[in-house]
């Protein structure tokens, strides 16, 4: 199964495509969509929409996973991130792909085992799980890979629980 992970941001949106077979996963491609503050908002959002659309057409993922917006101390920054997220979601909707949305804590929990993991721990686990010979750079790419792996892990867990439920197996659920 092919999964597209997206780490939205107006200045930098990371995207990554992974392929899963059973319990193994490999990275197919990843990149970052960058823009500068001196560009108009419509140009920046259009670039995100177009490049996510290109990744979808080029790599043909079966589904998409995107990080939700974290509204911490800087709400202004969260608003700009929400704009970028909206452009990415519009590209996904235009392609008719199913979308999973996860909080930063859920992504860290699924990849590292703790929702309080730092960026170094996430990058280390991404490199280990995907058997990469280097750290994915920039960090936005590592975060996009993590979003894709989170979706792969959680969809696999939910599918197993659903199969067990249909078979009447309640142990482990």
C-alpha atoms as a PDB file:
ATOM      1  CA  UNK A   1       0.000   0.000   0.000  1.00  0.00           C
ATOM      2  CA  UNK A   2       1.262   3.495  -0.801  1.00  0.00           C
ATOM      3  CA  UNK A   3       0.777   6.278   1.715  1.00  0.00           C
ATOM      4  CA  UNK A   4       1.419  10.005   1.354  1.00  0.00           C
ATOM      5  CA  UNK A   5       2.302  11.802   4.589  1.00  0.00           C
ATOM      6  CA  UNK A   6       2.065  15.589   4.852  1.00  0.00           C
ATOM      7  CA  UNK A   7       3.606  17.936   7.429  1.00  0.00           C
ATOM      8  CA  UNK A   8       1.869  21.242   6.626  1.00  0.00           C
ATOM      9  CA  UNK A   9       3.453  24.657   6.978  1.00  0.00           C
ATOM     10  CA  UNK A  10       3.225  27.856   4.959  1.00  0.00           C
ATOM     11  CA  UNK A  11       6.993  28.387   4.722  1.00  0.00           C
ATOM     12  CA  UNK A  12       7.759  24.659   4.466  1.00  0.00           C
ATOM     13  CA  UNK A  13       5.353  21.806   3.782  1.00  0.00           C
ATOM     14  CA  UNK A  14       6.973  18.400   3.961  1.00  0.00           C
ATOM     15  CA  UNK A  15       5.579  15.482   1.990  1.00  0.00           C
ATOM     16  CA  UNK A  16       6.656  11.851   1.826  1.00  0.00           C
ATOM     17  CA  UNK A  17       5.475   8.692   0.143  1.00  0.00           C
ATOM     18  CA  UNK A  18       6.067   5.316   1.757  1.00  0.00           C
ATOM     19  CA  UNK A  19       5.151   1.855   0.604  1.00  0.00           C
ATOM     20  CA  UNK A  20       4.111  -0.845   3.054  1.00  0.00           C
ATOM     21  CA  UNK A  21       4.033  -4.597   2.620  1.00  0.00           C
ATOM     22  CA  UNK A  22       2.925  -6.468   5.671  1.00  0.00           C
ATOM     23  CA  UNK A  23       4.894  -5.112   8.596  1.00  0.00           C
ATOM     24  CA  UNK A  24       7.703  -3.635   6.492  1.00  0.00           C
ATOM     25  CA  UNK A  25       7.836  -0.139   5.059  1.00  0.00           C
ATOM     26  CA  UNK A  26      10.153   1.739   2.742  1.00  0.00           C
ATOM     27  CA  UNK A  27      10.448   5.359   1.683  1.00  0.00           C
ATOM     28  CA  UNK A  28       9.717   5.963  -1.990  1.00  0.00           C
ATOM     29  CA  UNK A  29      10.183   9.747  -2.082  1.00  0.00           C
ATOM     30  CA  UNK A  30      10.122  12.846   0.075  1.00  0.00           C
ATOM     31  CA  UNK A  31      10.600  16.559  -0.398  1.00  0.00           C
ATOM     32  CA  UNK A  32       9.713  19.941   1.003  1.00  0.00           C
ATOM     33  CA  UNK A  33       7.618  22.665  -0.619  1.00  0.00           C
ATOM     34  CA  UNK A  34       9.161  25.992   0.357  1.00  0.00           C
ATOM     35  CA  UNK A  35       8.007  29.569  -0.056  1.00  0.00           C
ATOM     36  CA  UNK A  36       9.109  32.912   1.292  1.00  0.00           C
ATOM     37  CA  UNK A  37       7.230  35.556   3.214  1.00  0.00           C
ATOM     38  CA  UNK A  38       7.676  38.073   0.379  1.00  0.00           C
ATOM     39  CA  UNK A  39       5.433  35.959  -1.894  1.00  0.00           C
ATOM     40  CA  UNK A  40       1.674  36.544  -1.870  1.00  0.00           C
ATOM     41  CA  UNK A  41      -0.503  34.112   0.066  1.00  0.00           C
ATOM     42  CA  UNK A  42      -2.294  32.892  -3.070  1.00  0.00           C
ATOM     43  CA  UNK A  43       1.022  32.038  -4.771  1.00  0.00           C
ATOM     44  CA  UNK A  44       2.249  30.162  -1.703  1.00  0.00           C
ATOM     45  CA  UNK A  45      -0.974  28.183  -1.263  1.00  0.00           C
ATOM     46  CA  UNK A  46      -1.171  27.485  -4.988  1.00  0.00           C
ATOM     47  CA  UNK A  47       2.342  26.028  -4.885  1.00  0.00           C
ATOM     48  CA  UNK A  48       1.372  23.699  -2.026  1.00  0.00           C
ATOM     49  CA  UNK A  49      -1.800  22.606  -3.837  1.00  0.00           C
ATOM     50  CA  UNK A  50       0.058  21.999  -7.110  1.00  0.00           C
ATOM     51  CA  UNK A  51       3.046  20.174  -5.612  1.00  0.00           C
ATOM     52  CA  UNK A  52       0.888  17.909  -3.439  1.00  0.00           C
ATOM     53  CA  UNK A  53      -1.206  17.197  -6.541  1.00  0.00           C
ATOM     54  CA  UNK A  54       1.988  16.398  -8.451  1.00  0.00           C
ATOM     55  CA  UNK A  55       3.126  13.977  -5.718  1.00  0.00           C
ATOM     56  CA  UNK A  56      -0.274  12.268  -5.822  1.00  0.00           C
ATOM     57  CA  UNK A  57      -0.240  11.924  -9.619  1.00  0.00           C
ATOM     58  CA  UNK A  58       3.393  10.829  -9.728  1.00  0.00           C
ATOM     59  CA  UNK A  59       3.411   8.284  -6.864  1.00  0.00           C
ATOM     60  CA  UNK A  60      -0.278   7.229  -6.833  1.00  0.00           C
ATOM     61  CA  UNK A  61      -0.711   6.670  -3.069  1.00  0.00           C
ATOM     62  CA  UNK A  62      -3.734   4.756  -1.823  1.00  0.00           C
ATOM     63  CA  UNK A  63      -4.353   7.142   1.060  1.00  0.00           C
ATOM     64  CA  UNK A  64      -3.007  10.269   2.742  1.00  0.00           C
ATOM     65  CA  UNK A  65      -2.087  11.208   6.282  1.00  0.00           C
ATOM     66  CA  UNK A  66      -1.734  14.805   7.456  1.00  0.00           C
ATOM     67  CA  UNK A  67      -0.662  16.359  10.725  1.00  0.00           C
ATOM     68  CA  UNK A  68      -3.313  18.493  12.410  1.00  0.00           C
ATOM     69  CA  UNK A  69      -2.583  22.052  13.463  1.00  0.00           C
ATOM     70  CA  UNK A  70      -1.188  22.528  16.947  1.00  0.00           C
ATOM     71  CA  UNK A  71      -2.609  25.694  18.530  1.00  0.00           C
ATOM     72  CA  UNK A  72       0.063  26.448  21.105  1.00  0.00           C
ATOM     73  CA  UNK A  73       1.260  29.836  22.222  1.00  0.00           C
ATOM     74  CA  UNK A  74       1.604  31.319  18.717  1.00  0.00           C
ATOM     75  CA  UNK A  75      -1.925  31.389  17.265  1.00  0.00           C
ATOM     76  CA  UNK A  76      -0.800  33.610  14.368  1.00  0.00           C
ATOM     77  CA  UNK A  77       1.607  30.903  13.233  1.00  0.00           C
ATOM     78  CA  UNK A  78      -1.136  28.283  13.624  1.00  0.00           C
ATOM     79  CA  UNK A  79      -3.410  30.281  11.313  1.00  0.00           C
ATOM     80  CA  UNK A  80      -0.754  30.339   8.565  1.00  0.00           C
ATOM     81  CA  UNK A  81      -0.202  26.608   9.053  1.00  0.00           C
ATOM     82  CA  UNK A  82      -3.955  26.047   8.798  1.00  0.00           C
ATOM     83  CA  UNK A  83      -3.961  27.845   5.425  1.00  0.00           C
ATOM     84  CA  UNK A  84      -1.209  25.512   4.159  1.00  0.00           C
ATOM     85  CA  UNK A  85      -3.026  22.495   5.554  1.00  0.00           C
ATOM     86  CA  UNK A  86      -6.190  23.575   3.746  1.00  0.00           C
ATOM     87  CA  UNK A  87      -4.350  23.822   0.410  1.00  0.00           C
ATOM     88  CA  UNK A  88      -2.909  20.330   0.909  1.00  0.00           C
ATOM     89  CA  UNK A  89      -6.291  18.887   1.905  1.00  0.00           C
ATOM     90  CA  UNK A  90      -7.900  20.486  -1.164  1.00  0.00           C
ATOM     91  CA  UNK A  91      -5.341  18.700  -3.386  1.00  0.00           C
ATOM     92  CA  UNK A  92      -6.095  15.408  -1.623  1.00  0.00           C
ATOM     93  CA  UNK A  93      -9.866  15.939  -1.969  1.00  0.00           C
ATOM     94  CA  UNK A  94      -9.433  16.820  -5.640  1.00  0.00           C
ATOM     95  CA  UNK A  95      -7.717  13.455  -6.157  1.00  0.00           C
ATOM     96  CA  UNK A  96     -10.486  11.637  -4.253  1.00  0.00           C
ATOM     97  CA  UNK A  97      -8.134   9.997  -1.760  1.00  0.00           C
ATOM     98  CA  UNK A  98      -9.060   8.996   1.807  1.00  0.00           C
ATOM     99  CA  UNK A  99      -7.435  11.223   4.425  1.00  0.00           C
ATOM    100  CA  UNK A 100      -6.317  10.437   7.967  1.00  0.00           C
ATOM    101  CA  UNK A 101      -5.641  13.324  10.352  1.00  0.00           C
ATOM    102  CA  UNK A 102      -3.399  12.961  13.389  1.00  0.00           C
ATOM    103  CA  UNK A 103      -2.154  15.242  16.129  1.00  0.00           C
ATOM    104  CA  UNK A 104       1.592  15.700  16.593  1.00  0.00           C
ATOM    105  CA  UNK A 105       1.296  13.661  19.810  1.00  0.00           C
ATOM    106  CA  UNK A 106      -0.453  10.763  18.031  1.00  0.00           C
ATOM    107  CA  UNK A 107       2.243  10.713  15.337  1.00  0.00           C
ATOM    108  CA  UNK A 108       5.067  10.669  17.894  1.00  0.00           C
ATOM    109  CA  UNK A 109       3.285   7.979  19.913  1.00  0.00           C
ATOM    110  CA  UNK A 110       2.837   5.762  16.830  1.00  0.00           C
ATOM    111  CA  UNK A 111       6.433   6.145  15.626  1.00  0.00           C
ATOM    112  CA  UNK A 112       8.490   6.482  18.821  1.00  0.00           C
ATOM    113  CA  UNK A 113       6.201   5.048  21.484  1.00  0.00           C
ATOM    114  CA  UNK A 114       5.762   8.282  23.421  1.00  0.00           C
ATOM    115  CA  UNK A 115       3.829  11.414  22.538  1.00  0.00           C
ATOM    116  CA  UNK A 116       6.480  13.581  24.170  1.00  0.00           C
ATOM    117  CA  UNK A 117       9.318  12.494  21.843  1.00  0.00           C
ATOM    118  CA  UNK A 118      11.602  15.211  20.511  1.00  0.00           C
ATOM    119  CA  UNK A 119      12.597  15.753  16.863  1.00  0.00           C
ATOM    120  CA  UNK A 120      15.838  13.793  17.258  1.00  0.00           C
ATOM    121  CA  UNK A 121      13.986  10.738  18.580  1.00  0.00           C
ATOM    122  CA  UNK A 122      11.447  10.909  15.725  1.00  0.00           C
ATOM    123  CA  UNK A 123      14.219  11.213  13.124  1.00  0.00           C
ATOM    124  CA  UNK A 124      16.129   8.315  14.684  1.00  0.00           C
ATOM    125  CA  UNK A 125      13.071   6.055  14.598  1.00  0.00           C
ATOM    126  CA  UNK A 126      12.172   7.080  11.026  1.00  0.00           C
ATOM    127  CA  UNK A 127      15.697   6.245   9.915  1.00  0.00           C
ATOM    128  CA  UNK A 128      15.584   2.915  11.741  1.00  0.00           C
ATOM    129  CA  UNK A 129      12.082   1.814  10.664  1.00  0.00           C
ATOM    130  CA  UNK A 130      12.624   2.746   7.019  1.00  0.00           C
ATOM    131  CA  UNK A 131      16.241   1.508   7.047  1.00  0.00           C
ATOM    132  CA  UNK A 132      17.561   4.778   5.639  1.00  0.00           C
ATOM    133  CA  UNK A 133      21.312   5.357   5.434  1.00  0.00           C
ATOM    134  CA  UNK A 134      20.880   9.045   6.346  1.00  0.00           C
ATOM    135  CA  UNK A 135      18.627  11.338   8.337  1.00  0.00           C
ATOM    136  CA  UNK A 136      15.820  12.708   6.151  1.00  0.00           C
ATOM    137  CA  UNK A 137      16.380  16.442   5.755  1.00  0.00           C
ATOM    138  CA  UNK A 138      14.948  18.922   6.368  1.00  0.00           C
ATOM    139  CA  UNK A 139      12.952  18.043   9.491  1.00  0.00           C
ATOM    140  CA  UNK A 140       9.708  18.623   7.589  1.00  0.00           C
ATOM    141  CA  UNK A 141      10.488  15.542   5.480  1.00  0.00           C
ATOM    142  CA  UNK A 142      11.081  13.432   8.588  1.00  0.00           C
ATOM    143  CA  UNK A 143       7.771  14.687  10.006  1.00  0.00           C
ATOM    144  CA  UNK A 144       5.952  13.799   6.763  1.00  0.00           C
ATOM    145  CA  UNK A 145       7.494  10.305   6.837  1.00  0.00           C
ATOM    146  CA  UNK A 146       6.349  10.003  10.465  1.00  0.00           C
ATOM    147  CA  UNK A 147       2.789  11.035   9.524  1.00  0.00           C
ATOM    148  CA  UNK A 148       2.711   8.343   6.824  1.00  0.00           C
ATOM    149  CA  UNK A 149       4.078   5.692   9.210  1.00  0.00           C
ATOM    150  CA  UNK A 150       1.551   6.722  11.867  1.00  0.00           C
ATOM    151  CA  UNK A 151      -1.297   6.123   9.429  1.00  0.00           C
ATOM    152  CA  UNK A 152       0.189   2.795   8.331  1.00  0.00           C
ATOM    153  CA  UNK A 153       0.550   1.652  11.960  1.00  0.00           C
ATOM    154  CA  UNK A 154      -2.879   2.800  13.078  1.00  0.00           C
ATOM    155  CA  UNK A 155      -4.710   1.486   9.984  1.00  0.00           C
ATOM    156  CA  UNK A 156      -3.022  -1.890  10.447  1.00  0.00           C
ATOM    157  CA  UNK A 157      -3.995  -1.964  14.137  1.00  0.00           C
ATOM    158  CA  UNK A 158      -7.606  -0.984  13.348  1.00  0.00           C
ATOM    159  CA  UNK A 159      -7.853  -3.551  10.533  1.00  0.00           C
ATOM    160  CA  UNK A 160      -6.572  -6.295  12.856  1.00  0.00           C
ATOM    161  CA  UNK A 161      -9.048  -5.290  15.578  1.00  0.00           C
ATOM    162  CA  UNK A 162     -11.881  -5.240  13.026  1.00  0.00           C
ATOM    163  CA  UNK A 163     -10.957  -8.726  11.728  1.00  0.00           C
ATOM    164  CA  UNK A 164     -10.754 -10.060  15.277  1.00  0.00           C
ATOM    165  CA  UNK A 165     -14.129  -8.517  16.102  1.00  0.00           C
ATOM    166  CA  UNK A 166     -15.765 -10.113  13.029  1.00  0.00           C
ATOM    167  CA  UNK A 167     -14.299 -13.483  14.066  1.00  0.00           C
ATOM    168  CA  UNK A 168     -15.507 -13.028  17.661  1.00  0.00           C
ATOM    169  CA  UNK A 169     -11.974 -12.807  19.083  1.00  0.00           C
ATOM    170  CA  UNK A 170     -11.998 -10.437  22.032  1.00  0.00           C
ATOM    171  CA  UNK A 171      -8.600 -11.208  23.537  1.00  0.00           C
ATOM    172  CA  UNK A 172      -6.144  -8.385  22.931  1.00  0.00           C
ATOM    173  CA  UNK A 173      -8.802  -5.844  21.920  1.00  0.00           C
END
